[in-house]
PDB file of N, CA and C in Angstrom:
ATOM      1  N   PRO A   1     -44.471  64.833  11.156  1.00  0.00           N
ATOM      2  CA  PRO A   1     -44.562  63.528  11.407  1.00  0.00           C
ATOM      3  C   PRO A   1     -45.755  62.656  10.863  1.00  0.00           C
ATOM      4  N   GLY A   2     -45.360  61.605  10.235  1.00  0.00           N
ATOM      5  CA  GLY A   2     -46.350  61.167   9.645  1.00  0.00           C
ATOM      6  C   GLY A   2     -46.230  61.264   8.416  1.00  0.00           C
ATOM      7  N   HIS A   3     -45.538  61.980   7.612  1.00  0.00           N
ATOM      8  CA  HIS A   3     -45.238  62.552   6.122  1.00  0.00           C
ATOM      9  C   HIS A   3     -43.958  62.042   5.751  1.00  0.00           C
ATOM     10  N   ALA A   4     -43.677  61.802   4.605  1.00  0.00           N
ATOM     11  CA  ALA A   4     -42.459  61.550   4.235  1.00  0.00           C
ATOM     12  C   ALA A   4     -41.403  63.138   4.015  1.00  0.00           C
ATOM     13  N   HIS A   5     -40.234  63.109   4.381  1.00  0.00           N
ATOM     14  CA  HIS A   5     -39.373  64.377   4.242  1.00  0.00           C
ATOM     15  C   HIS A   5     -39.508  64.829   3.187  1.00  0.00           C
ATOM     16  N   GLY A   6     -39.237  65.680   2.513  1.00  0.00           N
ATOM     17  CA  GLY A   6     -39.347  66.988   1.240  1.00  0.00           C
ATOM     18  C   GLY A   6     -37.963  66.392   0.706  1.00  0.00           C
ATOM     19  N   GLY A   7     -36.888  66.152   1.355  1.00  0.00           N
ATOM     20  CA  GLY A   7     -35.648  65.689   0.759  1.00  0.00           C
ATOM     21  C   GLY A   7     -35.651  64.478   0.165  1.00  0.00           C
ATOM     22  N   ALA A   8     -36.620  63.877   1.103  1.00  0.00           N
ATOM     23  CA  ALA A   8     -36.270  62.106   0.658  1.00  0.00           C
ATOM     24  C   ALA A   8     -37.380  61.983  -0.880  1.00  0.00           C
ATOM     25  N   VAL A   9     -38.352  63.000  -0.986  1.00  0.00           N
ATOM     26  CA  VAL A   9     -39.492  62.794  -2.143  1.00  0.00           C
ATOM     27  C   VAL A   9     -38.315  63.816  -3.099  1.00  0.00           C
ATOM     28  N   ALA A  10     -37.776  64.539  -2.955  1.00  0.00           N
ATOM     29  CA  ALA A  10     -36.669  65.206  -4.143  1.00  0.00           C
ATOM     30  C   ALA A  10     -35.755  63.964  -4.323  1.00  0.00           C
ATOM     31  N   THR A  11     -35.242  63.157  -3.809  1.00  0.00           N
ATOM     32  CA  THR A  11     -34.347  62.440  -4.246  1.00  0.00           C
ATOM     33  C   THR A  11     -34.935  61.096  -5.067  1.00  0.00           C
ATOM     34  N   MET A  12     -36.390  61.025  -4.790  1.00  0.00           N
ATOM     35  CA  MET A  12     -37.203  60.077  -5.329  1.00  0.00           C
ATOM     36  C   MET A  12     -37.380  60.647  -7.129  1.00  0.00           C
ATOM     37  N   LEU A  13     -37.928  62.264  -6.726  1.00  0.00           N
ATOM     38  CA  LEU A  13     -38.587  62.806  -8.077  1.00  0.00           C
ATOM     39  C   LEU A  13     -37.067  62.550  -8.826  1.00  0.00           C
ATOM     40  N   ASP A  14     -35.993  63.149  -8.665  1.00  0.00           N
ATOM     41  CA  ASP A  14     -34.476  63.004  -9.266  1.00  0.00           C
ATOM     42  C   ASP A  14     -34.206  61.812  -9.739  1.00  0.00           C
ATOM     43  N   ASN A  15     -34.614  60.804  -9.093  1.00  0.00           N
ATOM     44  CA  ASN A  15     -33.947  59.382  -9.609  1.00  0.00           C
ATOM     45  C   ASN A  15     -35.051  59.036 -10.762  1.00  0.00           C
ATOM     46  N   VAL A  16     -36.549  58.715 -10.508  1.00  0.00           N
ATOM     47  CA  VAL A  16     -37.731  58.788 -11.544  1.00  0.00           C
ATOM     48  C   VAL A  16     -37.381  59.393 -12.764  1.00  0.00           C
ATOM     49  N   MET A  17     -36.894  60.670 -12.830  1.00  0.00           N
ATOM     50  CA  MET A  17     -36.651  61.497 -13.930  1.00  0.00           C
ATOM     51  C   MET A  17     -35.083  60.761 -14.360  1.00  0.00           C
ATOM     52  N   GLY A  18     -34.158  60.945 -13.881  1.00  0.00           N
ATOM     53  CA  GLY A  18     -32.985  60.342 -14.005  1.00  0.00           C
ATOM     54  C   GLY A  18     -32.721  59.217 -15.002  1.00  0.00           C
ATOM     55  N   PHE A  19     -33.881  58.036 -14.273  1.00  0.00           N
ATOM     56  CA  PHE A  19     -33.888  56.827 -15.203  1.00  0.00           C
ATOM     57  C   PHE A  19     -34.514  57.355 -16.340  1.00  0.00           C
ATOM     58  N   CYS A  20     -35.350  57.838 -16.425  1.00  0.00           N
ATOM     59  CA  CYS A  20     -35.956  58.006 -17.620  1.00  0.00           C
ATOM     60  C   CYS A  20     -35.177  58.849 -18.671  1.00  0.00           C
ATOM     61  N   ALA A  21     -34.466  59.886 -17.984  1.00  0.00           N
ATOM     62  CA  ALA A  21     -33.658  60.581 -19.338  1.00  0.00           C
ATOM     63  C   ALA A  21     -32.377  59.739 -19.456  1.00  0.00           C
ATOM     64  N   ILE A  22     -31.704  58.689 -18.673  1.00  0.00           N
ATOM     65  CA  ILE A  22     -31.092  57.991 -19.456  1.00  0.00           C
ATOM     66  C   ILE A  22     -31.624  56.716 -20.384  1.00  0.00           C
ATOM     67  N   ASP A  23     -32.740  56.381 -20.311  1.00  0.00           N
ATOM     68  CA  ASP A  23     -33.112  55.827 -21.083  1.00  0.00           C
ATOM     69  C   ASP A  23     -33.689  56.388 -22.605  1.00  0.00           C
ATOM     70  N   VAL A  24     -34.167  57.770 -22.684  1.00  0.00           N
ATOM     71  CA  VAL A  24     -34.268  58.272 -23.760  1.00  0.00           C
ATOM     72  C   VAL A  24     -32.913  58.968 -24.565  1.00  0.00           C
ATOM     73  N   MET A  25     -32.215  59.178 -23.625  1.00  0.00           N
ATOM     74  CA  MET A  25     -31.163  59.990 -23.853  1.00  0.00           C
ATOM     75  C   MET A  25     -29.711  58.815 -24.400  1.00  0.00           C
ATOM     76  N   GLU A  26     -30.171  57.539 -24.151  1.00  0.00           N
ATOM     77  CA  GLU A  26     -28.820  56.774 -24.128  1.00  0.00           C
ATOM     78  C   GLU A  26     -27.861  56.870 -23.695  1.00  0.00           C
ATOM     79  N   GLY A  27     -27.811  57.155 -22.556  1.00  0.00           N
ATOM     80  CA  GLY A  27     -26.385  57.283 -21.858  1.00  0.00           C
ATOM     81  C   GLY A  27     -26.428  57.766 -20.254  1.00  0.00           C
ATOM     82  N   PHE A  28     -25.402  57.979 -20.282  1.00  0.00           N
ATOM     83  CA  PHE A  28     -24.972  58.677 -18.838  1.00  0.00           C
ATOM     84  C   PHE A  28     -25.647  59.979 -18.669  1.00  0.00           C
ATOM     85  N   VAL A  29     -26.252  60.244 -17.576  1.00  0.00           N
ATOM     86  CA  VAL A  29     -26.605  61.753 -17.384  1.00  0.00           C
ATOM     87  C   VAL A  29     -26.464  62.547 -15.904  1.00  0.00           C
ATOM     88  N   MET A  30     -26.558  63.527 -16.112  1.00  0.00           N
ATOM     89  CA  MET A  30     -26.371  64.411 -14.396  1.00  0.00           C
ATOM     90  C   MET A  30     -27.710  65.505 -14.367  1.00  0.00           C
ATOM     91  N   THR A  31     -28.222  65.750 -13.460  1.00  0.00           N
ATOM     92  CA  THR A  31     -29.064  66.657 -13.146  1.00  0.00           C
ATOM     93  C   THR A  31     -28.318  67.907 -13.229  1.00  0.00           C
ATOM     94  N   ALA A  32     -28.718  68.701 -13.987  1.00  0.00           N
ATOM     95  CA  ALA A  32     -28.252  70.495 -14.076  1.00  0.00           C
ATOM     96  C   ALA A  32     -29.085  71.270 -13.241  1.00  0.00           C
ATOM     97  N   ASN A  33     -30.171  70.770 -13.156  1.00  0.00           N
ATOM     98  CA  ASN A  33     -31.413  71.437 -12.422  1.00  0.00           C
ATOM     99  C   ASN A  33     -32.508  70.745 -12.119  1.00  0.00           C
ATOM    100  N   LEU A  34     -33.216  71.220 -10.880  1.00  0.00           N
ATOM    101  CA  LEU A  34     -34.543  70.440 -10.325  1.00  0.00           C
ATOM    102  C   LEU A  34     -34.961  71.352  -9.659  1.00  0.00           C
ATOM    103  N   ASN A  35     -36.145  71.679 -10.165  1.00  0.00           N
ATOM    104  CA  ASN A  35     -37.475  72.435  -9.606  1.00  0.00           C
ATOM    105  C   ASN A  35     -38.585  71.775  -8.919  1.00  0.00           C
ATOM    106  N   ILE A  36     -38.918  71.902  -7.562  1.00  0.00           N
ATOM    107  CA  ILE A  36     -39.896  71.198  -7.122  1.00  0.00           C
ATOM    108  C   ILE A  36     -40.993  71.857  -6.661  1.00  0.00           C
ATOM    109  N   ASN A  37     -42.251  71.788  -6.653  1.00  0.00           N
ATOM    110  CA  ASN A  37     -43.681  72.287  -6.204  1.00  0.00           C
ATOM    111  C   ASN A  37     -44.194  71.178  -5.330  1.00  0.00           C
ATOM    112  N   TYR A  38     -44.412  71.192  -4.174  1.00  0.00           N
ATOM    113  CA  TYR A  38     -44.615  70.479  -2.828  1.00  0.00           C
ATOM    114  C   TYR A  38     -46.065  71.020  -2.957  1.00  0.00           C
ATOM    115  N   LYS A  39     -47.261  70.162  -3.170  1.00  0.00           N
ATOM    116  CA  LYS A  39     -48.536  70.588  -3.190  1.00  0.00           C
ATOM    117  C   LYS A  39     -49.238  69.997  -1.687  1.00  0.00           C
ATOM    118  N   SER A  40     -49.101  68.804  -1.710  1.00  0.00           N
ATOM    119  CA  SER A  40     -49.487  67.886  -0.508  1.00  0.00           C
ATOM    120  C   SER A  40     -48.622  66.925   0.107  1.00  0.00           C
ATOM    121  N   PRO A  41     -48.668  67.064   1.104  1.00  0.00           N
ATOM    122  CA  PRO A  41     -47.795  66.390   2.114  1.00  0.00           C
ATOM    123  C   PRO A  41     -48.103  64.707   1.503  1.00  0.00           C
ATOM    124  N   ILE A  42     -47.026  63.717   1.457  1.00  0.00           N
ATOM    125  CA  ILE A  42     -47.045  62.458   1.194  1.00  0.00           C
ATOM    126  C   ILE A  42     -47.091  61.741   2.292  1.00  0.00           C
ATOM    127  N   ARG A  43     -48.579  60.762   2.641  1.00  0.00           N
ATOM    128  CA  ARG A  43     -48.263  60.001   4.233  1.00  0.00           C
ATOM    129  C   ARG A  43     -47.502  59.052   4.004  1.00  0.00           C
ATOM    130  N   LEU A  44     -46.520  58.842   4.911  1.00  0.00           N
ATOM    131  CA  LEU A  44     -45.556  57.417   5.198  1.00  0.00           C
ATOM    132  C   LEU A  44     -46.718  56.374   5.339  1.00  0.00           C
ATOM    133  N   GLY A  45     -46.245  55.651   4.512  1.00  0.00           N
ATOM    134  CA  GLY A  45     -47.059  54.003   3.879  1.00  0.00           C
ATOM    135  C   GLY A  45     -48.115  53.863   2.944  1.00  0.00           C
ATOM    136  N   SER A  46     -48.529  55.507   2.501  1.00  0.00           N
ATOM    137  CA  SER A  46     -49.420  55.559   1.487  1.00  0.00           C
ATOM    138  C   SER A  46     -48.260  55.019   0.225  1.00  0.00           C
ATOM    139  N   THR A  47     -49.326  54.851  -0.871  1.00  0.00           N
ATOM    140  CA  THR A  47     -48.795  54.251  -2.458  1.00  0.00           C
ATOM    141  C   THR A  47     -49.009  55.861  -3.153  1.00  0.00           C
ATOM    142  N   ALA A  48     -47.502  56.665  -3.812  1.00  0.00           N
ATOM    143  CA  ALA A  48     -47.530  57.893  -4.606  1.00  0.00           C
ATOM    144  C   ALA A  48     -47.170  57.151  -5.932  1.00  0.00           C
ATOM    145  N   LEU A  49     -47.975  57.710  -6.799  1.00  0.00           N
ATOM    146  CA  LEU A  49     -47.455  57.045  -8.254  1.00  0.00           C
ATOM    147  C   LEU A  49     -46.706  58.519  -8.902  1.00  0.00           C
ATOM    148  N   PHE A  50     -45.514  57.864  -9.613  1.00  0.00           N
ATOM    149  CA  PHE A  50     -45.079  58.902 -10.114  1.00  0.00           C
ATOM    150  C   PHE A  50     -45.298  58.887 -11.517  1.00  0.00           C
ATOM    151  N   HIS A  51     -45.562  59.858 -12.210  1.00  0.00           N
ATOM    152  CA  HIS A  51     -45.504  59.942 -13.805  1.00  0.00           C
ATOM    153  C   HIS A  51     -44.513  60.911 -14.529  1.00  0.00           C
ATOM    154  N   ALA A  52     -43.630  60.152 -15.025  1.00  0.00           N
ATOM    155  CA  ALA A  52     -42.440  61.280 -15.617  1.00  0.00           C
ATOM    156  C   ALA A  52     -42.436  61.070 -17.188  1.00  0.00           C
ATOM    157  N   LYS A  53     -41.728  62.207 -17.765  1.00  0.00           N
ATOM    158  CA  LYS A  53     -41.489  62.541 -19.453  1.00  0.00           C
ATOM    159  C   LYS A  53     -40.579  63.414 -19.572  1.00  0.00           C
ATOM    160  N   VAL A  54     -40.180  63.070 -21.045  1.00  0.00           N
ATOM    161  CA  VAL A  54     -39.233  64.147 -21.405  1.00  0.00           C
ATOM    162  C   VAL A  54     -40.212  65.144 -22.205  1.00  0.00           C
ATOM    163  N   ASP A  55     -39.851  66.185 -21.892  1.00  0.00           N
ATOM    164  CA  ASP A  55     -40.880  67.460 -22.417  1.00  0.00           C
ATOM    165  C   ASP A  55     -40.079  67.795 -23.763  1.00  0.00           C
ATOM    166  N   LYS A  56     -38.667  67.839 -23.874  1.00  0.00           N
ATOM    167  CA  LYS A  56     -37.930  68.319 -24.962  1.00  0.00           C
ATOM    168  C   LYS A  56     -36.301  67.932 -24.940  1.00  0.00           C
ATOM    169  N   MET A  57     -35.999  67.573 -25.979  1.00  0.00           N
ATOM    170  CA  MET A  57     -34.680  67.434 -26.564  1.00  0.00           C
ATOM    171  C   MET A  57     -33.690  68.409 -27.233  1.00  0.00           C
ATOM    172  N   ASP A  58     -32.748  68.603 -26.478  1.00  0.00           N
ATOM    173  CA  ASP A  58     -31.812  69.626 -27.367  1.00  0.00           C
ATOM    174  C   ASP A  58     -30.277  69.400 -27.167  1.00  0.00           C
ATOM    175  N   GLY A  59     -29.956  68.713 -28.294  1.00  0.00           N
ATOM    176  CA  GLY A  59     -28.219  68.411 -28.338  1.00  0.00           C
ATOM    177  C   GLY A  59     -28.391  66.904 -27.197  1.00  0.00           C
ATOM    178  N   ARG A  60     -27.366  67.143 -26.198  1.00  0.00           N
ATOM    179  CA  ARG A  60     -27.152  66.799 -25.087  1.00  0.00           C
ATOM    180  C   ARG A  60     -27.829  67.392 -23.831  1.00  0.00           C
ATOM    181  N   LYS A  61     -28.899  68.418 -23.883  1.00  0.00           N
ATOM    182  CA  LYS A  61     -29.959  68.730 -23.018  1.00  0.00           C
ATOM    183  C   LYS A  61     -30.949  67.763 -22.652  1.00  0.00           C
ATOM    184  N   GLY A  62     -31.777  67.072 -21.714  1.00  0.00           N
ATOM    185  CA  GLY A  62     -32.669  66.490 -21.680  1.00  0.00           C
ATOM    186  C   GLY A  62     -33.617  67.587 -20.566  1.00  0.00           C
ATOM    187  N   TYR A  63     -34.861  68.134 -21.120  1.00  0.00           N
ATOM    188  CA  TYR A  63     -36.160  68.802 -20.452  1.00  0.00           C
ATOM    189  C   TYR A  63     -37.117  67.547 -19.760  1.00  0.00           C
ATOM    190  N   LEU A  64     -37.208  67.467 -18.617  1.00  0.00           N
ATOM    191  CA  LEU A  64     -38.133  66.521 -17.658  1.00  0.00           C
ATOM    192  C   LEU A  64     -39.168  67.124 -17.138  1.00  0.00           C
ATOM    193  N   SER A  65     -40.095  66.392 -17.099  1.00  0.00           N
ATOM    194  CA  SER A  65     -41.166  66.975 -15.913  1.00  0.00           C
ATOM    195  C   SER A  65     -41.887  65.541 -15.290  1.00  0.00           C
ATOM    196  N   VAL A  66     -41.992  65.534 -14.135  1.00  0.00           N
ATOM    197  CA  VAL A  66     -42.543  64.678 -13.557  1.00  0.00           C
ATOM    198  C   VAL A  66     -44.107  65.238 -12.058  1.00  0.00           C
ATOM    199  N   TYR A  67     -44.736  64.390 -12.587  1.00  0.00           N
ATOM    200  CA  TYR A  67     -45.778  64.851 -11.105  1.00  0.00           C
ATOM    201  C   TYR A  67     -46.094  63.259 -10.536  1.00  0.00           C
ATOM    202  N   VAL A  68     -46.572  63.892  -9.250  1.00  0.00           N
ATOM    203  CA  VAL A  68     -46.800  62.527  -8.437  1.00  0.00           C
ATOM    204  C   VAL A  68     -47.901  62.542  -7.936  1.00  0.00           C
ATOM    205  N   THR A  69     -48.930  61.214  -7.787  1.00  0.00           N
ATOM    206  CA  THR A  69     -50.356  61.573  -7.362  1.00  0.00           C
ATOM    207  C   THR A  69     -50.389  60.533  -6.436  1.00  0.00           C
ATOM    208  N   SER A  70     -51.733  60.809  -5.955  1.00  0.00           N
ATOM    209  CA  SER A  70     -52.182  59.708  -4.789  1.00  0.00           C
ATOM    210  C   SER A  70     -52.155  58.356  -5.616  1.00  0.00           C
ATOM    211  N   ALA A  71     -52.559  57.190  -4.861  1.00  0.00           N
ATOM    212  CA  ALA A  71     -52.838  55.983  -5.691  1.00  0.00           C
ATOM    213  C   ALA A  71     -54.258  56.262  -6.513  1.00  0.00           C
ATOM    214  N   ASP A  72     -55.388  56.538  -6.073  1.00  0.00           N
ATOM    215  CA  ASP A  72     -56.500  56.965  -6.483  1.00  0.00           C
ATOM    216  C   ASP A  72     -56.433  57.905  -7.769  1.00  0.00           C
ATOM    217  N   GLY A  73     -55.449  58.711  -8.010  1.00  0.00           N
ATOM    218  CA  GLY A  73     -55.163  59.774  -8.915  1.00  0.00           C
ATOM    219  C   GLY A  73     -55.743  60.918  -8.749  1.00  0.00           C
ATOM    220  N   ARG A  74     -56.183  60.755  -7.755  1.00  0.00           N
ATOM    221  CA  ARG A  74     -57.243  62.259  -7.266  1.00  0.00           C
ATOM    222  C   ARG A  74     -56.817  63.381  -6.814  1.00  0.00           C
ATOM    223  N   THR A  75     -55.589  63.074  -6.382  1.00  0.00           N
ATOM    224  CA  THR A  75     -54.773  64.233  -5.674  1.00  0.00           C
ATOM    225  C   THR A  75     -53.329  64.357  -6.023  1.00  0.00           C
ATOM    226  N   THR A  76     -52.941  65.776  -6.612  1.00  0.00           N
ATOM    227  CA  THR A  76     -51.839  65.805  -6.950  1.00  0.00           C
ATOM    228  C   THR A  76     -50.833  66.046  -5.640  1.00  0.00           C
ATOM    229  N   LEU A  77     -49.910  65.333  -5.839  1.00  0.00           N
ATOM    230  CA  LEU A  77     -48.979  65.691  -4.212  1.00  0.00           C
ATOM    231  C   LEU A  77     -48.082  66.464  -4.750  1.00  0.00           C
ATOM    232  N   CYS A  78     -47.520  66.206  -5.555  1.00  0.00           N
ATOM    233  CA  CYS A  78     -45.984  67.586  -6.139  1.00  0.00           C
ATOM    234  C   CYS A  78     -45.927  67.413  -7.434  1.00  0.00           C
ATOM    235  N   GLU A  79     -45.078  68.303  -8.430  1.00  0.00           N
ATOM    236  CA  GLU A  79     -44.720  68.404  -9.560  1.00  0.00           C
ATOM    237  C   GLU A  79     -43.416  68.962  -9.500  1.00  0.00           C
ATOM    238  N   ALA A  80     -42.912  68.418 -10.278  1.00  0.00           N
ATOM    239  CA  ALA A  80     -41.095  69.125 -10.724  1.00  0.00           C
ATOM    240  C   ALA A  80     -40.743  68.769 -12.106  1.00  0.00           C
ATOM    241  N   THR A  81     -39.997  69.739 -12.314  1.00  0.00           N
ATOM    242  CA  THR A  81     -38.995  70.223 -13.774  1.00  0.00           C
ATOM    243  C   THR A  81     -37.541  69.767 -13.517  1.00  0.00           C
ATOM    244  N   ALA A  82     -36.869  69.112 -14.444  1.00  0.00           N
ATOM    245  CA  ALA A  82     -35.558  68.974 -14.380  1.00  0.00           C
ATOM    246  C   ALA A  82     -34.992  69.126 -15.915  1.00  0.00           C
ATOM    247  N   LEU A  83     -33.424  69.722 -15.409  1.00  0.00           N
ATOM    248  CA  LEU A  83     -32.724  69.560 -16.934  1.00  0.00           C
ATOM    249  C   LEU A  83     -31.735  68.546 -16.686  1.00  0.00           C
ATOM    250  N   PHE A  84     -31.807  67.463 -17.360  1.00  0.00           N
ATOM    251  CA  PHE A  84     -30.503  66.781 -17.447  1.00  0.00           C
ATOM    252  C   PHE A  84     -29.316  66.866 -18.436  1.00  0.00           C
ATOM    253  N   ILE A  85     -28.190  66.394 -18.203  1.00  0.00           N
ATOM    254  CA  ILE A  85     -27.071  66.880 -19.144  1.00  0.00           C
ATOM    255  C   ILE A  85     -26.801  65.376 -19.411  1.00  0.00           C
ATOM    256  N   LYS A  86     -26.393  65.099 -20.540  1.00  0.00           N
ATOM    257  CA  LYS A  86     -26.006  63.745 -21.162  1.00  0.00           C
ATOM    258  C   LYS A  86     -24.464  64.070 -20.756  1.00  0.00           C
ATOM    259  N   LEU A  87     -23.767  63.180 -20.090  1.00  0.00           N
ATOM    260  CA  LEU A  87     -22.040  62.789 -20.287  1.00  0.00           C
ATOM    261  C   LEU A  87     -21.526  62.898 -21.768  1.00  0.00           C
ATOM    262  N   SER A  88     -20.389  63.672 -21.730  1.00  0.00           N
ATOM    263  CA  SER A  88     -19.843  62.984 -23.204  1.00  0.00           C
ATOM    264  C   SER A  88     -18.917  61.972 -23.003  1.00  0.00           C
ATOM    265  N   ARG A  89     -18.112  61.505 -23.835  1.00  0.00           N
ATOM    266  CA  ARG A  89     -17.469  60.163 -23.944  1.00  0.00           C
ATOM    267  C   ARG A  89     -16.085  60.622 -23.068  1.00  0.00           C
ATOM    268  N   GLU A  90     -15.377  61.672 -23.063  1.00  0.00           N
ATOM    269  CA  GLU A  90     -14.492  62.256 -22.227  1.00  0.00           C
ATOM    270  C   GLU A  90     -14.898  62.058 -20.760  1.00  0.00           C
ATOM    271  N   GLN A  91     -16.145  63.152 -20.682  1.00  0.00           N
ATOM    272  CA  GLN A  91     -16.287  62.638 -19.241  1.00  0.00           C
ATOM    273  C   GLN A  91     -16.605  61.527 -18.572  1.00  0.00           C
ATOM    274  N   ILE A  92     -17.013  60.525 -19.243  1.00  0.00           N
ATOM    275  CA  ILE A  92     -17.497  59.359 -19.011  1.00  0.00           C
ATOM    276  C   ILE A  92     -16.011  58.504 -18.868  1.00  0.00           C
ATOM    277  N   GLU A  93     -14.961  58.671 -19.705  1.00  0.00           N
ATOM    278  CA  GLU A  93     -13.494  57.912 -19.812  1.00  0.00           C
ATOM    279  C   GLU A  93     -13.010  58.763 -17.972  1.00  0.00           C
ATOM    280  N   ARG A  94     -13.119  59.700 -17.933  1.00  0.00           N
ATOM    281  CA  ARG A  94     -12.407  60.521 -16.970  1.00  0.00           C
ATOM    282  C   ARG A  94     -12.836  60.102 -15.531  1.00  0.00           C
ATOM    283  N   GLY A  95     -14.274  59.888 -15.641  1.00  0.00           N
ATOM    284  CA  GLY A  95     -15.134  59.109 -14.232  1.00  0.00           C
ATOM    285  C   GLY A  95     -15.207  57.700 -14.143  1.00  0.00           C
ATOM    286  N   LYS A  96     -14.866  57.265 -15.057  1.00  0.00           N
ATOM    287  CA  LYS A  96     -14.769  55.670 -15.177  1.00  0.00           C
ATOM    288  C   LYS A  96     -13.984  54.808 -13.601  1.00  0.00           C
ATOM    289  N   LYS A  97     -13.340  55.561 -13.317  1.00  0.00           N
ATOM    290  CA  LYS A  97     -12.167  55.097 -12.226  1.00  0.00           C
ATOM    291  C   LYS A  97     -13.232  54.963 -10.999  1.00  0.00           C
ATOM    292  N   TYR A  98     -14.278  55.862 -11.012  1.00  0.00           N
ATOM    293  CA  TYR A  98     -15.304  56.005  -9.932  1.00  0.00           C
ATOM    294  C   TYR A  98     -16.258  54.941  -9.877  1.00  0.00           C
ATOM    295  N   PHE A  99     -16.526  54.496 -11.137  1.00  0.00           N
ATOM    296  CA  PHE A  99     -17.850  53.491 -11.265  1.00  0.00           C
ATOM    297  C   PHE A  99     -17.757  52.436 -10.218  1.00  0.00           C
ATOM    298  N   PRO A 100     -18.621  51.514  -9.946  1.00  0.00           N
ATOM    299  CA  PRO A 100     -18.441  50.492  -9.301  1.00  0.00           C
ATOM    300  C   PRO A 100     -18.128  49.324 -10.415  1.00  0.00           C
ATOM    301  N   GLU A 101     -17.182  48.357 -10.292  1.00  0.00           N
ATOM    302  CA  GLU A 101     -16.742  47.205 -11.115  1.00  0.00           C
ATOM    303  C   GLU A 101     -17.917  46.719 -11.892  1.00  0.00           C
ATOM    304  N   ASP A 102     -18.679  46.273 -11.501  1.00  0.00           N
ATOM    305  CA  ASP A 102     -19.939  45.843 -12.038  1.00  0.00           C
ATOM    306  C   ASP A 102     -20.783  46.570 -12.925  1.00  0.00           C
ATOM    307  N   SER A 103     -20.289  47.676 -13.073  1.00  0.00           N
ATOM    308  CA  SER A 103     -21.078  48.638 -14.076  1.00  0.00           C
ATOM    309  C   SER A 103     -20.101  49.051 -14.944  1.00  0.00           C
ATOM    310  N   ARG A 104     -18.782  48.559 -15.220  1.00  0.00           N
ATOM    311  CA  ARG A 104     -18.049  49.038 -16.286  1.00  0.00           C
ATOM    312  C   ARG A 104     -18.577  48.293 -17.524  1.00  0.00           C
ATOM    313  N   ALA A 105     -18.739  47.211 -17.576  1.00  0.00           N
ATOM    314  CA  ALA A 105     -19.255  46.884 -19.150  1.00  0.00           C
ATOM    315  C   ALA A 105     -20.520  47.589 -19.617  1.00  0.00           C
ATOM    316  N   TYR A 106     -21.123  48.254 -19.046  1.00  0.00           N
ATOM    317  CA  TYR A 106     -22.380  49.127 -19.333  1.00  0.00           C
ATOM    318  C   TYR A 106     -21.522  50.321 -19.905  1.00  0.00           C
ATOM    319  N   VAL A 107     -20.770  50.906 -18.858  1.00  0.00           N
ATOM    320  CA  VAL A 107     -20.085  51.861 -19.716  1.00  0.00           C
ATOM    321  C   VAL A 107     -19.341  51.817 -20.893  1.00  0.00           C
ATOM    322  N   LYS A 108     -18.574  50.994 -20.828  1.00  0.00           N
ATOM    323  CA  LYS A 108     -18.061  50.396 -22.111  1.00  0.00           C
ATOM    324  C   LYS A 108     -18.931  50.785 -23.306  1.00  0.00           C
ATOM    325  N   GLY A 109     -20.145  50.325 -23.270  1.00  0.00           N
ATOM    326  CA  GLY A 109     -21.202  50.211 -24.510  1.00  0.00           C
ATOM    327  C   GLY A 109     -21.744  51.769 -24.482  1.00  0.00           C
ATOM    328  N   ARG A 110     -21.399  52.677 -23.923  1.00  0.00           N
ATOM    329  CA  ARG A 110     -22.254  54.154 -23.837  1.00  0.00           C
ATOM    330  C   ARG A 110     -21.023  54.938 -24.631  1.00  0.00           C
TER     331      ARG A 110
END
């Protein structure tokens, strides 16, 4: 009670790294693997800072990491690593029918 649920934190970690991967890998990506080490509970209503980076690129694979700190930066709340895979043109074409209408213009450019 009084702390963020670990699953909610996992979702935020995946989202932050995913947007970082999309930007750097210049396309649609999917999470292949996500590893999380929870260090300290995140109190509800507090501010947490997410620091994500790309550690390595290998073809369609992007290896990313993120750490989360308290607002003052003194406490590491959790750390995570992930492997993202950039979708191929064929995978995007097959899945396009499931994308929201307003994202189709973005898909066309990828």
